[in-house]
Amino acid sequence: MQKKLPKVYLFIEDFIPSELDRLNKNISIIFRNYKKTISDRVLFALKTYCKFHKRELYLANDIKRSIKHKLNGAYIPSFNKKINLNVFSLHKKFTLLGSAHNLYEIRVKEAQGCSLIFLAPTFKVNKKKNYFGVTKFNLLTLNQKSQFIALGGINELTIKNVGLLRCVGYSGISWIKKNGLKNIRPFLNNLSTN
C-alpha cells in the first residue's frame, strides 16, 4: 500500500498568479499579510484561482472572513491566544490551522480547536538563534491530540530529516516558492516511502 504524500503549505503575502502557476494542487496556500488589509476583491480572485487549480486556501488570523468567503479554513498565528474563537459556527470541512513555538502554545492552539499545528522553527533559520531539531520536535509532538507540520529551515539539505519527524507535512516560503513542486517532487517521493 502506498503511503500518502506529505501535506505541503506555502505562505504568501500577495496574490501573484505567475508565481503560483509554477505550483500544482498538492501545495496548499496560506494567505498571510499582517502589514496591510487584504481586500475582498483580492481574496475572491485568489479563491477563484485556487478553486480552478484545485488547491486549498486558508486565510491568516481572520476566521470570520474565511467563513464568509467559504475558504478551506483559517490559520491562527502563535501571537493570537484568544480561546473564544466561536468554533461552533464552523462548517464540517472547515479546518483551523495554528502555529506554535513551544508546549504552552501547542496547548493554546488545541484549546482554540486547531487540528493541524505548524511547529517552528524546526531547523536552523537566520532569524532565530534556537530551533528544535529532530529530537526536540518529536518530544514536543508526543502524546498530542493534533497533527503537526514542520515549519522553518526546510531546504534541500534538511528535507530528508523531515522524514524523521512526527509530522504529516511541512511548510515554507522561500524554498518552495523558488523550486515549485516539480523540483521538490523527488524529495516528496522519498518522504512518502519512509
Protein backbone atom coordinates (compact mmCIF):
# COMPACT_ATOMS: atom_id res chain seq x y z
CA MET A 1 0.00 0.00 0.00
CA GLN A 2 1.36 3.43 -0.96
CA LYS A 3 1.73 5.95 1.82
CA LYS A 4 0.09 9.36 1.33
CA LEU A 5 2.36 12.19 0.26
CA PRO A 6 3.08 14.73 2.99
CA LYS A 7 0.98 17.88 3.11
CA VAL A 8 2.81 20.95 1.84
CA TYR A 9 1.84 24.54 2.67
CA LEU A 10 3.13 27.78 1.18
CA PHE A 11 2.76 31.18 2.90
CA ILE A 12 2.12 34.09 0.52
CA GLU A 13 1.70 37.83 1.19
CA ASP A 14 0.36 38.87 -2.21
CA PHE A 15 -1.65 37.20 -4.95
CA ILE A 16 0.74 36.95 -7.90
CA PRO A 17 -0.64 34.32 -10.32
CA SER A 18 2.65 33.94 -12.24
CA GLU A 19 4.39 32.75 -9.04
CA LEU A 20 1.59 30.34 -8.17
CA ASP A 21 1.45 28.93 -11.71
CA ARG A 22 4.67 27.02 -11.01
CA LEU A 23 2.93 25.02 -8.28
CA ASN A 24 0.22 22.40 -8.52
CA LYS A 25 -2.71 21.35 -6.34
CA ASN A 26 -0.53 19.40 -3.88
CA ILE A 27 0.64 22.66 -2.30
CA SER A 28 -1.94 24.48 -0.18
CA ILE A 29 -1.85 28.28 0.17
CA ILE A 30 -1.94 30.29 3.40
CA PHE A 31 -2.63 33.95 2.60
CA ARG A 32 -0.89 35.93 5.34
CA ASN A 33 -0.19 39.66 5.23
CA TYR A 34 -0.04 41.49 8.56
CA LYS A 35 1.23 44.75 7.03
CA LYS A 36 -1.88 45.61 5.01
CA THR A 37 -5.55 44.66 4.91
CA ILE A 38 -6.44 42.12 2.25
CA SER A 39 -9.36 43.37 0.19
CA ASP A 40 -12.40 41.18 -0.50
CA ARG A 41 -11.76 41.64 -4.23
CA VAL A 42 -8.23 40.16 -3.97
CA LEU A 43 -9.42 37.38 -1.68
CA PHE A 44 -12.22 36.49 -4.12
CA ALA A 45 -9.75 36.45 -7.05
CA LEU A 46 -7.35 34.18 -5.14
CA LYS A 47 -10.19 31.88 -4.09
CA THR A 48 -11.34 31.60 -7.73
CA TYR A 49 -7.75 30.89 -8.82
CA CYS A 50 -7.29 28.20 -6.14
CA LYS A 51 -10.63 26.58 -6.95
CA PHE A 52 -9.71 26.39 -10.65
CA HIS A 53 -6.33 24.83 -9.80
CA LYS A 54 -7.87 22.53 -7.14
CA ARG A 55 -5.73 23.99 -4.39
CA GLU A 56 -6.70 24.53 -0.73
CA LEU A 57 -6.76 28.13 0.55
CA TYR A 58 -6.51 29.40 4.13
CA LEU A 59 -6.64 32.98 5.39
CA ALA A 60 -4.44 34.02 8.30
CA ASN A 61 -5.93 35.37 11.51
CA ASP A 62 -9.46 36.04 10.18
CA ILE A 63 -11.92 33.20 10.78
CA LYS A 64 -14.96 35.36 10.06
CA ARG A 65 -13.81 36.32 6.54
CA SER A 66 -12.62 32.75 5.89
CA ILE A 67 -16.15 31.52 6.61
CA LYS A 68 -17.73 34.36 4.62
CA HIS A 69 -15.64 33.53 1.53
CA LYS A 70 -16.10 29.76 2.04
CA LEU A 71 -12.38 29.03 2.20
CA ASN A 72 -10.97 25.67 3.30
CA GLY A 73 -10.14 27.13 6.70
CA ALA A 74 -8.18 29.70 8.66
CA TYR A 75 -4.64 29.92 10.00
CA ILE A 76 -4.29 31.17 13.60
CA PRO A 77 -0.78 32.58 14.28
CA SER A 78 1.02 31.92 17.54
CA PHE A 79 0.51 35.50 18.78
CA ASN A 80 -3.30 35.04 18.69
CA LYS A 81 -4.03 33.43 22.05
CA LYS A 82 -7.80 34.07 22.23
CA ILE A 83 -9.58 30.92 23.32
CA ASN A 84 -13.12 32.06 22.40
CA LEU A 85 -12.85 31.86 18.61
CA ASN A 86 -16.52 30.84 18.19
CA VAL A 87 -15.59 27.49 16.68
CA PHE A 88 -19.22 26.33 16.97
CA SER A 89 -20.11 28.29 13.80
CA LEU A 90 -17.61 26.44 11.58
CA HIS A 91 -18.88 24.11 8.86
CA LYS A 92 -17.76 20.46 8.78
CA LYS A 93 -14.99 20.76 6.16
CA PHE A 94 -13.57 23.99 7.66
CA THR A 95 -10.10 23.40 9.15
CA LEU A 96 -8.35 25.53 11.73
CA LEU A 97 -4.58 25.61 11.37
CA GLY A 98 -2.36 27.13 14.04
CA SER A 99 1.28 27.81 14.76
CA ALA A 100 3.25 27.24 17.94
CA HIS A 101 6.79 27.63 19.20
CA ASN A 102 6.59 25.71 22.49
CA LEU A 103 4.43 23.34 24.57
CA TYR A 104 2.32 26.15 26.07
CA GLU A 105 1.42 27.46 22.60
CA ILE A 106 0.57 23.90 21.44
CA ARG A 107 -1.94 23.69 24.32
CA VAL A 108 -3.40 27.09 23.35
CA LYS A 109 -3.82 26.01 19.70
CA GLU A 110 -5.53 22.79 20.76
CA ALA A 111 -7.88 24.79 23.03
CA GLN A 112 -8.66 27.04 20.03
CA GLY A 113 -9.71 23.98 18.03
CA CYS A 114 -6.74 23.73 15.66
CA SER A 115 -6.43 20.24 14.23
CA LEU A 116 -3.14 20.94 12.46
CA ILE A 117 -0.32 22.84 14.19
CA PHE A 118 2.75 24.33 12.50
CA LEU A 119 5.68 23.86 14.87
CA ALA A 120 8.54 26.31 14.30
CA PRO A 121 11.39 26.71 13.85
CA THR A 122 12.05 23.06 13.09
CA PHE A 123 15.54 23.57 11.67
CA LYS A 124 18.07 26.40 11.82
CA VAL A 125 16.92 29.70 10.30
CA ASN A 126 18.76 33.02 10.05
CA LYS A 127 16.14 34.95 12.06
CA LYS A 128 16.33 32.81 15.23
CA LYS A 129 19.12 31.50 17.45
CA ASN A 130 17.18 28.48 18.69
CA TYR A 131 15.47 25.71 16.73
CA PHE A 132 14.00 22.30 17.61
CA GLY A 133 15.84 19.74 15.52
CA VAL A 134 14.52 16.19 15.13
CA THR A 135 14.64 15.03 18.77
CA LYS A 136 13.01 18.07 20.42
CA PHE A 137 10.36 18.30 17.67
CA ASN A 138 9.40 14.65 18.23
CA LEU A 139 9.30 15.05 22.02
CA LEU A 140 7.01 18.11 21.72
CA THR A 141 4.59 16.28 19.42
CA LEU A 142 4.46 13.11 21.51
CA ASN A 143 1.03 12.37 23.07
CA GLN A 144 -0.66 15.41 21.48
CA LYS A 145 -4.21 15.41 20.04
CA SER A 146 -3.30 17.44 16.96
CA GLN A 147 -1.24 16.61 13.91
CA PHE A 148 1.87 18.67 13.14
CA ILE A 149 3.52 20.43 10.23
CA ALA A 150 7.26 21.20 10.27
CA LEU A 151 7.96 24.89 9.63
CA GLY A 152 11.24 26.76 9.41
CA GLY A 153 14.59 25.91 7.90
CA ILE A 154 13.19 23.46 5.33
CA ASN A 155 15.51 23.31 2.31
CA GLU A 156 17.36 20.80 0.11
CA LEU A 157 19.77 20.00 2.97
CA THR A 158 17.17 19.45 5.71
CA ILE A 159 14.27 17.96 3.71
CA LYS A 160 15.49 14.39 4.27
CA ASN A 161 15.27 14.96 8.03
CA VAL A 162 11.56 15.79 7.70
CA GLY A 163 11.00 12.05 7.21
CA LEU A 164 12.34 11.51 10.76
CA LEU A 165 9.81 13.92 12.30
CA ARG A 166 6.44 13.07 13.81
CA CYS A 167 4.61 15.26 11.31
CA VAL A 168 2.19 14.94 8.40
CA GLY A 169 3.90 17.55 6.21
CA TYR A 170 5.93 20.71 6.05
CA SER A 171 5.66 24.35 5.17
CA GLY A 172 7.84 27.15 3.97
CA ILE A 173 8.14 30.29 1.98
CA SER A 174 11.35 30.78 0.05
CA TRP A 175 12.43 27.22 -0.81
CA ILE A 176 9.02 26.08 -2.05
CA LYS A 177 8.41 29.31 -3.96
CA LYS A 178 11.86 29.12 -5.56
CA ASN A 179 11.64 25.48 -6.62
CA GLY A 180 7.95 24.90 -7.26
CA LEU A 181 6.61 21.37 -6.95
CA LYS A 182 8.48 19.99 -9.95
CA ASN A 183 11.90 20.18 -8.27
CA ILE A 184 10.50 19.23 -4.85
CA ARG A 185 8.73 16.09 -6.17
CA PRO A 186 11.76 13.74 -5.71
CA PHE A 187 12.00 14.84 -2.06
CA LEU A 188 8.27 14.23 -1.55
CA ASN A 189 8.56 10.75 -3.07
CA ASN A 190 11.48 9.92 -0.76
CA LEU A 191 9.50 11.09 2.28
CA SER A 192 6.42 9.04 1.34
CA THR A 193 8.43 5.80 1.36
CA ASN A 194 9.82 6.35 4.89
